[in-house]
N, C-alpha and C. Protein backbone atom coordinates (compact mmCIF):
# COMPACT_ATOMS: atom_id res chain seq x y z
N MET A 1 82.65 89.66 77.26
CA MET A 1 82.00 90.29 75.64
C MET A 1 82.49 89.00 74.75
N ALA A 2 82.18 89.18 73.42
CA ALA A 2 82.36 88.36 72.79
C ALA A 2 83.89 89.03 72.17
N HIS A 3 84.86 88.29 71.63
CA HIS A 3 85.22 89.12 70.83
C HIS A 3 85.74 88.35 69.74
N VAL A 4 86.31 89.31 67.98
CA VAL A 4 86.28 88.56 67.40
C VAL A 4 87.32 88.19 67.40
N SER A 5 88.02 86.94 66.99
CA SER A 5 89.31 86.44 65.87
C SER A 5 90.28 87.47 65.57
N GLY A 6 90.83 87.49 65.44
CA GLY A 6 91.28 89.04 64.02
C GLY A 6 91.35 90.51 63.74
N GLU A 7 90.89 90.73 65.06
CA GLU A 7 90.47 92.09 65.83
C GLU A 7 90.96 92.45 67.34
N ARG A 8 91.56 93.63 67.62
CA ARG A 8 92.64 93.99 68.72
C ARG A 8 91.35 94.10 70.33
N THR A 9 92.19 93.98 70.75
CA THR A 9 91.44 93.32 72.30
C THR A 9 90.85 95.01 72.41
N PRO A 10 90.29 95.40 73.30
CA PRO A 10 89.98 97.31 73.44
C PRO A 10 90.85 97.10 73.99
N ALA A 11 91.54 98.12 74.56
CA ALA A 11 92.04 99.25 75.66
C ALA A 11 91.70 99.02 76.61
N PHE A 12 92.96 98.92 77.55
CA PHE A 12 92.28 98.81 79.53
C PHE A 12 91.55 99.37 80.20
N THR A 13 90.66 99.74 80.40
CA THR A 13 89.86 100.77 81.22
C THR A 13 91.00 101.10 82.27
N SER A 14 90.57 102.87 83.10
CA SER A 14 91.75 103.47 83.66
C SER A 14 90.84 102.44 85.44
N GLU A 15 89.47 101.92 85.49
CA GLU A 15 89.56 100.60 87.11
C GLU A 15 89.89 99.61 86.41
N GLU A 16 90.68 99.11 85.23
CA GLU A 16 91.41 98.12 84.70
C GLU A 16 92.47 98.49 84.91
N LEU A 17 93.12 99.17 84.67
CA LEU A 17 95.01 99.56 84.90
C LEU A 17 94.75 99.11 86.24
N GLU A 18 93.48 100.53 86.96
CA GLU A 18 93.99 100.29 88.89
C GLU A 18 94.42 98.80 89.20
N LYS A 19 93.27 97.68 89.53
CA LYS A 19 92.77 97.25 89.57
C LYS A 19 94.56 95.85 89.62
N LEU A 20 94.95 95.91 88.30
CA LEU A 20 95.64 96.01 87.89
C LEU A 20 97.50 95.45 88.54
N VAL A 21 97.79 96.93 88.53
CA VAL A 21 98.81 97.43 89.41
C VAL A 21 98.43 97.18 91.28
N ASP A 22 97.47 97.43 91.60
CA ASP A 22 96.49 96.90 93.23
C ASP A 22 96.51 96.03 93.50
N GLY A 23 96.39 94.57 91.77
CA GLY A 23 97.07 92.95 92.09
C GLY A 23 98.64 93.04 92.21
N VAL A 24 98.95 93.58 90.42
CA VAL A 24 100.33 92.89 91.01
C VAL A 24 101.22 93.98 91.65
N LEU A 25 100.91 94.82 92.80
CA LEU A 25 102.50 95.52 94.10
C LEU A 25 102.31 95.01 94.93
N PRO A 26 101.57 93.77 95.23
CA PRO A 26 101.82 93.48 96.50
C PRO A 26 102.29 92.03 96.11
N GLN A 27 102.20 91.74 94.94
CA GLN A 27 102.94 90.07 95.13
C GLN A 27 103.90 90.83 94.05
N TYR A 28 104.41 91.90 93.70
CA TYR A 28 105.77 92.12 92.87
C TYR A 28 106.62 91.17 93.52
N THR A 29 107.28 91.44 94.70
CA THR A 29 107.38 90.23 94.86
C THR A 29 108.77 88.59 94.46
N GLN A 30 107.32 88.41 94.76
CA GLN A 30 106.50 87.14 94.01
C GLN A 30 107.65 86.62 92.84
N LEU A 31 106.60 87.32 92.05
CA LEU A 31 106.85 87.69 90.59
C LEU A 31 108.51 87.91 90.20
N TYR A 32 108.40 88.72 90.46
CA TYR A 32 109.97 89.98 90.26
C TYR A 32 110.67 89.98 90.58
N GLY A 33 110.81 89.20 92.29
CA GLY A 33 111.71 89.99 93.06
C GLY A 33 113.19 89.20 93.13
N PRO A 34 114.26 88.89 93.95
CA PRO A 34 115.82 88.02 93.61
C PRO A 34 114.73 87.00 93.57
N PRO A 35 116.28 85.68 93.58
CA PRO A 35 115.62 84.65 92.84
C PRO A 35 115.03 83.92 93.75
N ASP A 36 116.07 83.96 95.25
CA ASP A 36 115.38 83.78 96.47
C ASP A 36 114.02 84.06 97.51
N LYS A 37 113.03 84.84 96.12
CA LYS A 37 112.05 85.15 96.37
C LYS A 37 111.04 85.46 95.71
N GLN A 38 111.19 84.82 94.15
CA GLN A 38 110.50 84.54 93.20
C GLN A 38 109.99 82.59 93.54
N VAL A 39 108.62 82.09 93.11
CA VAL A 39 108.01 81.27 93.55
C VAL A 39 108.43 80.49 92.22
N SER A 40 107.77 79.54 92.74
CA SER A 40 107.59 78.86 91.00
C SER A 40 107.27 79.21 89.87
N ALA A 41 107.04 78.28 87.97
CA ALA A 41 106.67 79.22 87.07
C ALA A 41 105.45 79.02 87.70
N HIS A 42 104.77 77.69 88.50
CA HIS A 42 103.48 77.52 88.39
C HIS A 42 102.51 78.09 88.92
N GLN A 43 103.08 78.97 90.25
CA GLN A 43 103.05 79.60 90.95
C GLN A 43 102.85 80.69 90.19
N LYS A 44 103.26 81.46 90.11
CA LYS A 44 103.53 83.00 89.43
C LYS A 44 101.95 82.94 87.89
N LYS A 45 102.01 81.40 87.62
CA LYS A 45 101.00 81.37 86.32
C LYS A 45 99.15 81.99 87.24
N ALA A 46 99.57 81.09 88.60
CA ALA A 46 98.64 80.96 89.46
C ALA A 46 98.09 82.76 89.72
N ILE A 47 99.45 83.28 90.18
CA ILE A 47 98.82 84.81 90.67
C ILE A 47 98.67 85.48 89.82
N TRP A 48 98.32 85.21 88.52
CA TRP A 48 98.88 85.71 87.05
C TRP A 48 97.57 85.64 87.06
N ARG A 49 96.89 84.36 87.31
CA ARG A 49 95.58 83.95 86.54
C ARG A 49 94.23 84.91 88.34
N ALA A 50 95.35 85.19 89.55
CA ALA A 50 94.35 85.40 89.78
C ALA A 50 93.85 86.13 90.22
N ILE A 51 94.99 87.36 89.42
CA ILE A 51 94.75 89.05 89.18
C ILE A 51 93.77 89.14 87.88
N ALA A 52 94.14 88.38 86.93
CA ALA A 52 93.17 88.59 85.92
C ALA A 52 91.00 88.05 86.03
N LYS A 53 91.75 87.63 86.78
CA LYS A 53 90.09 86.55 87.86
C LYS A 53 89.83 88.55 87.70
N ASP A 54 90.04 88.76 88.96
CA ASP A 54 89.83 89.87 90.00
C ASP A 54 89.28 91.21 88.95
N ILE A 55 90.59 91.35 88.01
CA ILE A 55 90.40 92.37 86.52
C ILE A 55 88.66 91.70 85.89
N ARG A 56 88.30 91.22 85.63
CA ARG A 56 87.21 89.93 85.04
C ARG A 56 86.07 90.43 85.70
N THR A 57 85.86 91.31 87.16
CA THR A 57 85.03 91.56 87.27
C THR A 57 84.41 92.77 87.68
N LEU A 58 85.21 93.13 86.49
CA LEU A 58 85.07 94.52 86.85
C LEU A 58 83.91 94.32 85.13
N GLY A 59 83.67 93.08 85.36
CA GLY A 59 82.65 93.61 84.07
C GLY A 59 82.80 94.47 82.94
N VAL A 60 84.81 94.44 82.32
CA VAL A 60 84.86 95.52 80.99
C VAL A 60 84.84 94.00 79.99
N TYR A 61 86.50 93.06 79.83
CA TYR A 61 86.14 92.47 78.79
C TYR A 61 86.40 91.54 79.91
N HIS A 62 86.66 89.94 78.76
CA HIS A 62 87.63 88.96 79.59
C HIS A 62 89.02 89.01 79.09
N ARG A 63 89.68 89.35 79.96
CA ARG A 63 90.69 88.92 79.81
C ARG A 63 91.39 88.12 80.54
N ARG A 64 92.50 87.25 79.75
CA ARG A 64 92.72 86.15 79.37
C ARG A 64 95.00 86.98 80.98
N SER A 65 94.27 85.96 81.34
CA SER A 65 95.61 86.21 82.85
C SER A 65 97.83 86.49 81.32
N THR A 66 97.46 86.74 80.86
CA THR A 66 98.51 86.70 79.67
C THR A 66 98.92 88.05 78.90
N HIS A 67 97.02 88.60 78.61
CA HIS A 67 97.11 90.20 78.66
C HIS A 67 97.13 91.38 79.22
N CYS A 68 96.90 90.70 81.08
CA CYS A 68 97.59 91.27 82.00
C CYS A 68 98.78 91.16 82.60
N ARG A 69 99.36 89.99 82.82
CA ARG A 69 101.13 89.92 82.15
C ARG A 69 101.52 90.79 81.23
N LYS A 70 101.50 91.03 80.13
CA LYS A 70 101.80 91.28 78.84
C LYS A 70 101.69 93.81 79.66
N ARG A 71 100.47 93.50 79.92
CA ARG A 71 99.48 94.71 80.22
C ARG A 71 101.24 95.31 82.01
N TRP A 72 101.39 94.94 82.52
CA TRP A 72 102.06 95.56 83.35
C TRP A 72 103.07 95.52 82.90
N GLU A 73 104.26 94.69 81.94
CA GLU A 73 105.40 94.68 81.38
C GLU A 73 105.04 95.56 80.94
N ASP A 74 104.02 96.29 80.30
CA ASP A 74 104.72 98.22 78.97
C ASP A 74 104.21 98.57 80.83
N LEU A 75 102.98 99.83 81.06
CA LEU A 75 104.09 99.31 82.56
C LEU A 75 104.89 100.30 82.75
N CYS A 76 105.77 98.88 83.14
CA CYS A 76 106.47 99.38 84.34
C CYS A 76 107.45 99.77 83.20
N ARG A 77 108.13 99.37 81.59
CA ARG A 77 108.62 100.27 80.71
C ARG A 77 108.10 100.96 80.44
N TRP A 78 106.24 101.21 80.99
CA TRP A 78 106.57 103.72 79.62
C TRP A 78 106.49 103.60 81.37
N SER A 79 106.90 103.83 82.80
CA SER A 79 106.43 104.61 83.88
C SER A 79 108.69 105.09 83.76
N LYS A 80 108.74 103.52 84.10
CA LYS A 80 111.18 104.02 83.77
C LYS A 80 111.70 105.34 82.89
N LYS A 81 110.47 104.89 81.37
CA LYS A 81 110.51 106.21 79.98
C LYS A 81 110.14 107.56 80.77
N MET A 82 109.24 107.33 80.84
CA MET A 82 108.53 107.89 81.54
C MET A 82 109.33 108.99 82.81
N ALA A 83 110.08 108.18 83.37
CA ALA A 83 110.66 108.68 84.79
C ALA A 83 112.12 109.33 83.87
N GLU A 84 112.36 108.62 83.68
CA GLU A 84 114.26 108.53 83.26
C GLU A 84 113.64 110.24 82.14
N ALA A 85 113.16 110.21 80.91
CA ALA A 85 112.30 110.94 80.50
C ALA A 85 112.04 112.44 81.36
N GLN A 86 111.32 112.15 82.04
CA GLN A 86 112.10 113.77 83.34
C GLN A 86 112.29 113.56 84.02
N LEU A 87 114.27 113.11 83.86
CA LEU A 87 115.27 113.07 84.64
C LEU A 87 115.84 113.85 83.23
N GLY A 88 116.03 114.14 82.19
CA GLY A 88 116.54 113.85 81.04
C GLY A 88 117.43 113.63 81.14
N MET A 89 117.43 112.52 80.64
CA MET A 89 117.94 110.88 80.56
C MET A 89 118.00 109.99 79.01
N ALA A 90 116.26 110.75 79.42
CA ALA A 90 116.54 110.16 77.45
C ALA A 90 115.69 111.44 76.69
N SER A 91 116.72 111.23 75.71
CA SER A 91 116.63 112.65 74.20
C SER A 91 114.64 112.18 74.02
N GLN A 92 114.63 113.46 73.99
CA GLN A 92 113.28 114.12 73.65
C GLN A 92 113.07 114.63 72.00
N ARG A 93 113.12 114.34 71.63
CA ARG A 93 113.92 114.66 69.86
C ARG A 93 112.47 114.10 69.02
N GLY A 94 111.78 114.29 68.27
CA GLY A 94 110.47 112.97 67.60
C GLY A 94 109.54 113.05 68.36
N ARG A 95 109.15 113.53 69.46
CA ARG A 95 108.62 112.94 71.29
C ARG A 95 106.67 113.68 71.29
N GLY A 96 107.13 115.20 70.71
CA GLY A 96 105.84 115.87 70.54
C GLY A 96 105.85 116.11 72.29
N ALA A 97 104.93 116.62 72.66
CA ALA A 97 104.90 117.95 73.67
C ALA A 97 104.92 116.08 74.85
N ARG A 98 105.84 117.08 75.52
CA ARG A 98 106.08 116.00 76.72
C ARG A 98 105.01 115.61 78.09
N ARG A 99 105.10 115.09 78.75
CA ARG A 99 103.38 113.78 79.09
C ARG A 99 103.90 114.04 80.44
N THR A 100 103.73 114.35 81.75
CA THR A 100 104.23 113.72 83.04
C THR A 100 103.60 112.77 83.31
N MET A 101 104.32 112.47 85.26
CA MET A 101 104.27 111.02 85.53
C MET A 101 102.16 111.88 85.67
N THR A 102 101.94 110.22 86.29
CA THR A 102 100.44 109.79 86.33
C THR A 102 100.67 109.01 88.03
N PRO A 103 99.96 108.92 89.35
CA PRO A 103 100.84 108.37 90.36
C PRO A 103 100.38 107.52 90.45
N LEU A 104 99.88 106.51 88.87
CA LEU A 104 99.97 105.33 88.88
C LEU A 104 101.78 104.77 88.81
N MET A 105 102.17 105.65 88.12
CA MET A 105 103.34 105.36 87.47
C MET A 105 104.12 105.76 88.51
N PHE A 106 103.66 106.54 89.71
CA PHE A 106 104.66 106.53 90.77
C PHE A 106 104.41 105.63 90.93
N ARG A 107 103.28 104.82 91.49
CA ARG A 107 103.57 103.13 91.80
C ARG A 107 103.73 102.34 92.01
N ILE A 108 104.45 102.74 90.44
CA ILE A 108 104.63 101.19 89.70
C ILE A 108 106.35 101.66 89.39
N LEU A 109 106.73 102.53 89.80
CA LEU A 109 108.11 103.49 89.67
C LEU A 109 108.71 102.54 92.07
N ALA A 110 107.94 103.21 92.99
CA ALA A 110 107.83 102.87 92.92
C ALA A 110 108.35 101.91 93.78
N VAL A 111 108.53 100.40 93.74
CA VAL A 111 107.90 98.64 93.38
C VAL A 111 109.21 98.94 92.48
N ALA A 112 108.09 98.85 91.15
CA ALA A 112 109.29 97.90 90.09
C ALA A 112 111.37 98.52 89.92
N TYR A 113 110.71 100.53 90.03
CA TYR A 113 113.09 100.68 89.82
C TYR A 113 113.31 101.76 91.32
N PRO A 114 113.17 101.33 92.35
CA PRO A 114 112.66 102.16 93.55
C PRO A 114 114.29 102.91 93.68
N GLU A 115 115.58 102.93 92.68
CA GLU A 115 117.04 104.03 92.53
C GLU A 115 115.87 104.79 91.35
N LEU A 116 115.51 104.59 90.77
CA LEU A 116 114.50 105.45 89.79
C LEU A 116 113.84 106.69 89.90
N ASP A 117 112.92 106.12 91.13
CA ASP A 117 111.87 107.12 92.10
C ASP A 117 112.59 107.62 92.69
N GLY A 118 112.88 107.20 93.68
CA GLY A 118 113.93 108.15 94.67
C GLY A 118 114.81 109.24 93.26
N ARG A 119 115.89 108.67 92.78
CA ARG A 119 115.80 109.88 91.83
C ARG A 119 115.40 111.25 91.51
N LEU A 120 114.11 110.69 91.39
CA LEU A 120 113.15 111.31 90.65
C LEU A 120 112.22 111.89 91.43
N ARG A 121 111.95 111.79 92.87
CA ARG A 121 110.81 112.58 93.84
C ARG A 121 112.45 112.94 94.91
N ALA A 122 113.37 113.69 94.52
CA ALA A 122 114.48 114.32 95.10
C ALA A 122 114.41 115.22 94.08
N SER A 123 114.66 114.92 93.07
CA SER A 123 115.03 116.32 92.02
C SER A 123 113.22 117.24 91.12
N GLN A 124 112.32 115.97 92.05
CA GLN A 124 110.80 116.97 92.54
C GLN A 124 110.47 118.79 93.38
N GLN A 125 111.52 117.94 94.56
CA GLN A 125 111.51 118.27 95.63
C GLN A 125 111.66 120.23 95.28
N PRO A 126 110.59 120.81 96.59
CA PRO A 126 109.93 121.89 96.48
C PRO A 126 110.96 123.53 96.50
N GLN A 127 111.21 124.14 95.92
CA GLN A 127 111.71 125.63 96.46
C GLN A 127 110.67 126.33 96.87
N GLY A 128 110.75 127.22 97.80
CA GLY A 128 110.68 128.17 98.34
C GLY A 128 109.40 127.68 98.22
N GLY A 129 109.03 125.95 99.24
CA GLY A 129 107.76 125.95 100.05
C GLY A 129 106.60 126.01 99.45
N GLU A 130 107.46 126.15 97.28
CA GLU A 130 105.73 126.99 96.52
C GLU A 130 106.14 124.69 96.35
N TYR A 131 104.56 124.08 96.71
CA TYR A 131 104.30 122.79 95.90
C TYR A 131 103.76 122.70 94.45
N THR A 132 104.46 121.51 93.48
CA THR A 132 104.01 121.26 92.84
C THR A 132 102.47 120.26 92.44
N LEU A 133 101.44 120.49 91.45
CA LEU A 133 100.75 119.11 91.53
C LEU A 133 101.63 117.82 91.55
N ILE A 134 102.51 117.54 90.91
CA ILE A 134 102.67 115.76 90.85
C ILE A 134 103.23 115.88 92.41
N GLN A 135 103.54 117.03 93.36
CA GLN A 135 104.29 116.37 94.23
C GLN A 135 103.60 116.56 95.61
N LEU A 136 102.57 117.37 94.80
CA LEU A 136 101.36 116.59 96.50
C LEU A 136 100.77 115.86 96.39
N THR A 137 100.90 115.22 95.11
CA THR A 137 100.12 113.72 94.60
C THR A 137 101.59 112.76 94.90
N LEU A 138 102.75 113.42 95.55
CA LEU A 138 103.59 111.86 96.24
C LEU A 138 102.97 112.23 97.54
N ARG A 139 102.94 113.65 97.99
CA ARG A 139 103.00 113.44 99.69
C ARG A 139 101.62 112.73 99.78
N ALA A 140 100.51 112.18 99.17
CA ALA A 140 99.42 112.00 99.10
C ALA A 140 99.73 110.32 99.09
N LEU A 141 100.66 109.71 98.17
CA LEU A 141 100.90 108.26 97.85
C LEU A 141 101.62 107.72 99.62
């Protein structure tokens, strides 16, 4: 799709977001892990280019590697913020209705913030044998 300079790019579709997460999670340690596990800056760029190329196969929009990297960072930030809100760690004043975590956010948390993911999962243990939709989703992961 053509993009006129000065216009905003279209929002990522749910399919593009799934592809993005599917592309980043297996390579997370190489991109963001401890320094001894990370690859060079050149190799990181190549990984992001490959992820962007995979997303472009959906034919929605010509996403560049920088768009994909920025969207990943946004998803991580939003997932962490939502998890903290779920745990009551963040103030909800002025934020409107409380939103629930999506399965995509749980996948991101499990890799990017494992300690927060563990605390969130522990806080959502069933009471009296009843399971919520979120807990059933977690069991499926």
